[in-house]
Structures are given as C-alpha cells and as structure tokens.
Amino acid sequence: MESWGGVRLDRVARHLVQKRNRIILLFLILTVLCAALIPFTKIEYRLSQYLPVDSEIWAALDLYHQEFGDSAAIRVAVPKITISEAVNLKEQLRQIPGVKRILWLDDVLDVHVPVSAMDTDTLNAYYKSGTALYQIELWGDEYSASAGKAIGEIRKTAGDLAMLDGAAVTSLALRETALKQIAGITLLVIPILFLILLICTTSWFEPVLLIVTIGVSAVLNLGTNAFLGNVSFISEMVATILQFAISMDYAIFLLHRFEEQRREGYEPEEAMRRGMAGAISTISASGLTTIAGFVAFLFMRYRLGQDLGIVLAKGIVLSFISVIALLPALTVKFARLVEKSRHRSFLPSFHSVGKGISKARYCIPIVILAIVPCFLAQNANTFLYGDEAVVATEGSPEAKDRERMSELFGRNNPMVVMAPRGEMGKEAQVSANLSRIPRVSQVQSAAALLGEGIPVELAPDALLEQFQTEAYSRYVLNLDVPQEGEETKQVIEEIRSVMSDAYGDAYWLVGSSASIDEIRQVMETDFSRVGVISVVAILLIVLLTFRSISIPILLILIIESAIWLNMSIPYFMGEGLIFIGYLIISAIQLGATIDYGILMTQDYLKHRKTMARQEAGVAAVETSGPSIFTSALILSVAGFSVYAASSIQGIAQLCLLVGRGAVFSGVFVIFLLPALLILLDPFIMKTTYAHKRNKGANKEVSIHEESG
C-alpha cells in the first residue's frame, strides 16, 4: 500500500471515512465562522503601497507627505456655463467639506475685463468653448473616505453635465466597481462551472459535492484573509475564481478514483478508502506544484506579489485539505443519492484520440520548431507598468469623462516636482523653463501664480502655504502625454534636465509617470527571480514524485511551451501587456497546469508496466484525458468569463491570459505529451528509478512489443 510522507495512505483514508460525520460538522462550524469574518477584511486599492520600502519612489512620497500632507487633485469640467456663473459655482464648490483648495481662471486673470483682453493661452487652460475647468485639491489622499465623500458632493453641486477626472475619481470608481463585480462575477462563474461539471461527470449530484467542497474552501480562504491585515483588490477579486478553477481538478481526480473502485464492486466506504489511497499522492503532487508557483511570489520586491502569493497559496492548501477530508465524507454520506442520479457520460471517448496521437508522434519536431518563434516573441513583449493600465475601468462614465476632457483641455497627467525653497526669482525662472518644455501644458508654483514684480511679502498666505513649506517648494505640473511611453519618457528627461541645472540632485519627482522607470527596474528583476524559483521548485517536486531525471524536464518544457505560446499572442497582435499579468500568469499557468502533465505521466507509467509503449500512450490518454479536459475547460471558462464580465482592465487581461493559458496547457498535455512519452520511452525508462528497479516487467513488455 502506498505511503505519503511516511504515513500509510490506507490508514489515513480509513480514519477520514470513519469520522465523516464529525468532519462534516467541523467544516460546517469553520465555514460559518469564516463567513462571518469576510466583512472584516480590509481591501487595499493603492498599488503604490506595495512598492519596495527602500525605493526612491517610496522616499519621495514619504517626504512629500511629511512636507505637504495628504491631498488628492482632481479636475472638474462644467459645460454650458458663463464666466460669471463659473465664479459663483466656484464659491459653492469651495464650501464643500473635504475641498482643500480650488483654482480657476479668476485666480490668475481679472475675469471682469472683456474676454478679448485676456491672454488666450491662459484663458483656454481654464475656460474653453463655454466649459469651465476647475482644479480642485481635496483633503486626504486619493483613496481616503473624505476624498470619496467630497467627490460625491462635487457631482451634486456641479450638476449632471459635469465631468470629473483624476486619480481620486478613478480610485472611487474602482472601489465601487470592484465591490459590485466581486459578487457579480462569482454569481456568473459558479453556475457556468456547475453546468460544465454536469456534462463532464456521470452523476447529476456529483457537481453539487464538488461545488460545495471547493466553495467551503473558498469561504475559509476569504474569511482567514481578515488575519492578514490588508489584502489587495486584485487578490480579493481573482482569488476565489482561481481557487475554484485551479483546485477543482483535485476533487475531480479523487471522484474518478472512487468511481473506478465502485465499478470493481466495492462498497462506498471501501471504494473511497481505496480511491483516496490511490489519489492522495497525485493530488498532493499537483497541489505542491501549484503552491510552489505561488510561493515564488513571496520573493518579489514588488510586494503585490507577496500579497497574491499568500492569498492564493493559502487557498490551495485549504482546497487540498477540503478535498481529502470533506469531499470523501460528503461522497460516502450521500453515496446512495450519487448512485440514484447516475447518467451516461457526455464526453467523447479519448481512445481514438490516443490512437491518433500515437501514430502522429513523428510530427513532434515540427511542433517544437513552431514553439521557437513564440519563445522569441514573448521575450519581446511591450510591458505596461503604470497604475492607469491596471486600474482603468473601460467603458465607465469616469472613462468617458476623462476622454471628453482630454479632447477639450488635453490629458490630465499630473506631476509634482519638489525642491529646496529658495528665492522667488529663481523659482520664477525654473517655472518658466518648465513651461517651455513641449507637452508640459501647465506649471503652477508660488512664483508663477504671484506674477512678476510682486514682492513675496504681499503674497497671500494661502498661496504660499499651497506651494511652500519652511524647507521646500513644489511645482505642480500637468503633462499632456500618456502615463507611459517613449514620448512621456522624453518629457520626464527634459524636466529632470531643468531641475538638475537649478538644484543639482536635490529635487524629487512625484507622480505615476516619474515612478514608472523605477518600477520597471524592480519588475525586471522580479520577472527573473520568480521565474527561476518557480521552475526550480516545481522541478524538485516532480523529481521527487517520479524519482526521475527526464520526466521533470519533459513536463516543465511542455508547460513552458504553452506559456510561451500564450505570452507571444500580445506581441503578434501589437498589444501592450500589463506587467503584473505577465508575472502572475507565468506562475499560475506553470503551477496550476503542471498537474495535467503529472496525471498523464503517472497513468502512462502505470500502463507501461503491462503494455507496450504505444498501447500505454493510448491507455493514458483514454484514462486521464477526460479529467484533464474537464479541468482545463473549467479553468479556461472561468478565465474567459471574468475577462468578459470585468471592466477593470488589469483584472480582465489577467483572466484572459489564465483562460487562454489553460486551453494551451490542456491541448499540449493531451496531444503533445503522450506522443513525447512514447517517442522518448527508452530514455525515460532508463532515467526513472522506479522502472529501472522493475527490469523484469520491462523485459516482458519489450517482448510484447516485438510480438506486436
């Protein structure tokens, strides 16, 4: 009888089956407790919180908040309004709780003179085509409750036609959208998964057992997140669906082993005991490889990876525990209902698929050559690192407002430059030099707004407080360029050049565009680190599982090839790839789909003991094909469903990669792996310890091959 970690699996299985009523009660109590804890989980929406604490970005943000406090800048455009009406509306907006400062045309020009007498460029920056553009600074940062409440009041005061733009507006929309979509996506995906399970199982009641088992583990994972402090909105949105999709195959593997024993005539308790003893090693190997992929995230400097790694790895552990403890208890408990609801399999036979693969094995070199350009292409992808690419809510009212305001007044890409406080004359010259940079649409500073010839002693205190502290001055810029790209990079370099000429290295840039270069450097290191750690960890797990040198390398190459194909598509389509999506999918697709290869290979080696290699390949496809097909279908449908349902760009692209990656991994394992196992059989047998020990059996097989 097999052992697992030195423990006899039949004894573990017998104990779990015998104590099934206590196990069901225990899981029920834990589920209720964890469900009650879910509302207490704090969700973090600020991706900047996950930057390395020793980075220049973090130091600049920390110093800026110390000197100027927390604030959030937004733009409000109100169409169909006269200048006099705009002045009155400004005063109403100023009175809203949470509004710190408001800047408009009357702060820089005399609005009582005729429009024809005003400076055209300045006028168009604040009032154009009958639309007034207010620049408002709110108390609290972009994600604070006070800023969110103030935005709501601003919308009411400014009217239905008003357009709002800014990081605080986007973050408020993100919070509202994420909370709605978490529930909506779950309600969409679970019924779809249930339908797939109805088709792919042989009992109308089995899908209920599967959904309940993984559902319980998902509730346990969500509830225990409350003990982690903060959890990123990305983890909160994708963890449950990915947990369902990734760990469902553990439950499917176990039920298939149970059904095999039932067909041999064993009663439910004995069938489950035998099925568990045969399945736990496969499930544990599959779970460990998935966990290894997620644990690799813990070594990232960008700490969003650590957040995702902990939440997802914890979810897989809880799913594994639920599958080996709760599912057997439920299955035996409701064995009669399972039997009464039996139906024929709706899946096609994989026997003919296996025969076709065996015959086509010599076409493998062509497939391998086709993978080479995919490997090169995925290395040449263009990555997007800005928050805007991740949190953008496509098609939302906020996105439409941003587009309309950009057409009228240019893009809103704010940046703050902080430098030691000096003479007003010097600051005026720096402001003028910054304003001459192409695509810098606006520069605000105490010196720029005060104007030439006005002594600093006559400057209003409110103006000086807005732009100066005892030690520092700040220049508030708006760039009419995207958040990232070559054009943006050029503008940043010119800003740095102006500031270096005036202050040397004693200045700080604060803003998304200014941060992207450092984020890119951090992530490039993380890409390599996570990739190496996940591959090495999974190699070791597969090596210990099979006690083979060749099999781990073969399985890793199969799944990595599927990953390269998946990642090459954005390059060939000319699309940018969000950096966190690339990083996550590399680990998820490797860790979550390597178990397809483990299952196929284990079945091949089992059949190989009594069959010729071609027959063993056909039998492996026939026995493991339905499980792999079902698992890949579930993971792909879950990914595609979230992609279709989520308007949050980062979530949608991540789940598109998950869905597409599951398809490629399933296809590669079902069609390519068996052919390679047959083709490389002599080498595999020589480098696999268990089969080297069983030379007698292998000799009988070789005689059978010759006679065949």
Foldseek 3Di string as FASTA:
>chain_A
DDADPNHQLLVVLLVLQVCLVVLQVVLVVLLVLLLVQLVLAAADADLVVLFFCPDQQNVQVVVCCVFQNAKWKKKKKFAQADPVRVVVLVVVLCPQPFWDDKDALVLFDPPVDDPVPDDPLSCLLAADNRMGMMMTMGHHHLQDPSLLVSVVVNDVSSDPRMAMDGSSVLNSVLVVQLVVVLVVLVVVQLVVLLVLCCQLDFFNCVSVLLCVLLVSLLSSLSSCSSVVHYAYSLLSRCQSLLLSLLLSLLLVQLVLQLVVQVVVPDQLSVSSSRSSSVRLLLSVLLLQLLLLLLVLLCPASSCNSVSNSVSNNSSSVSSSCSNSRNSSSVCNVCVVNRVVRGHDHNDDFCLVVLLVLQVCLVCQVVVVVVLVVLLVLLVVFAADEFPCLFQPQPPDSNVVSQVVCCVSNAHFFKKKKKFWDDDLVLVLVLQVQLCPQPQFSDKDWLSVSVDPPDDPVPRDPVRCSNAHDPTMGMIMIGGRDDLDDPVLVVSVVSNVVSCCVSHNPRMDMHGRSVCRVVSVVSLVVSQVSSLVSSLVSSLVSVCVSQVFDPLSVLLQVLLVSLLSNLSSVCSVVVHHHHSVLNSSLSSNSRSSLSSLLVQLVVQLVVVLLAAALSVSLSRSLRSSVSSLVSSLQSQLVSLCSQLVSGSRSNSNRSSNSRNSSSVSSSCSNNNPVSSVCSVCVVVRLVRGVVNVVVVVSNVVNVVVVVVD
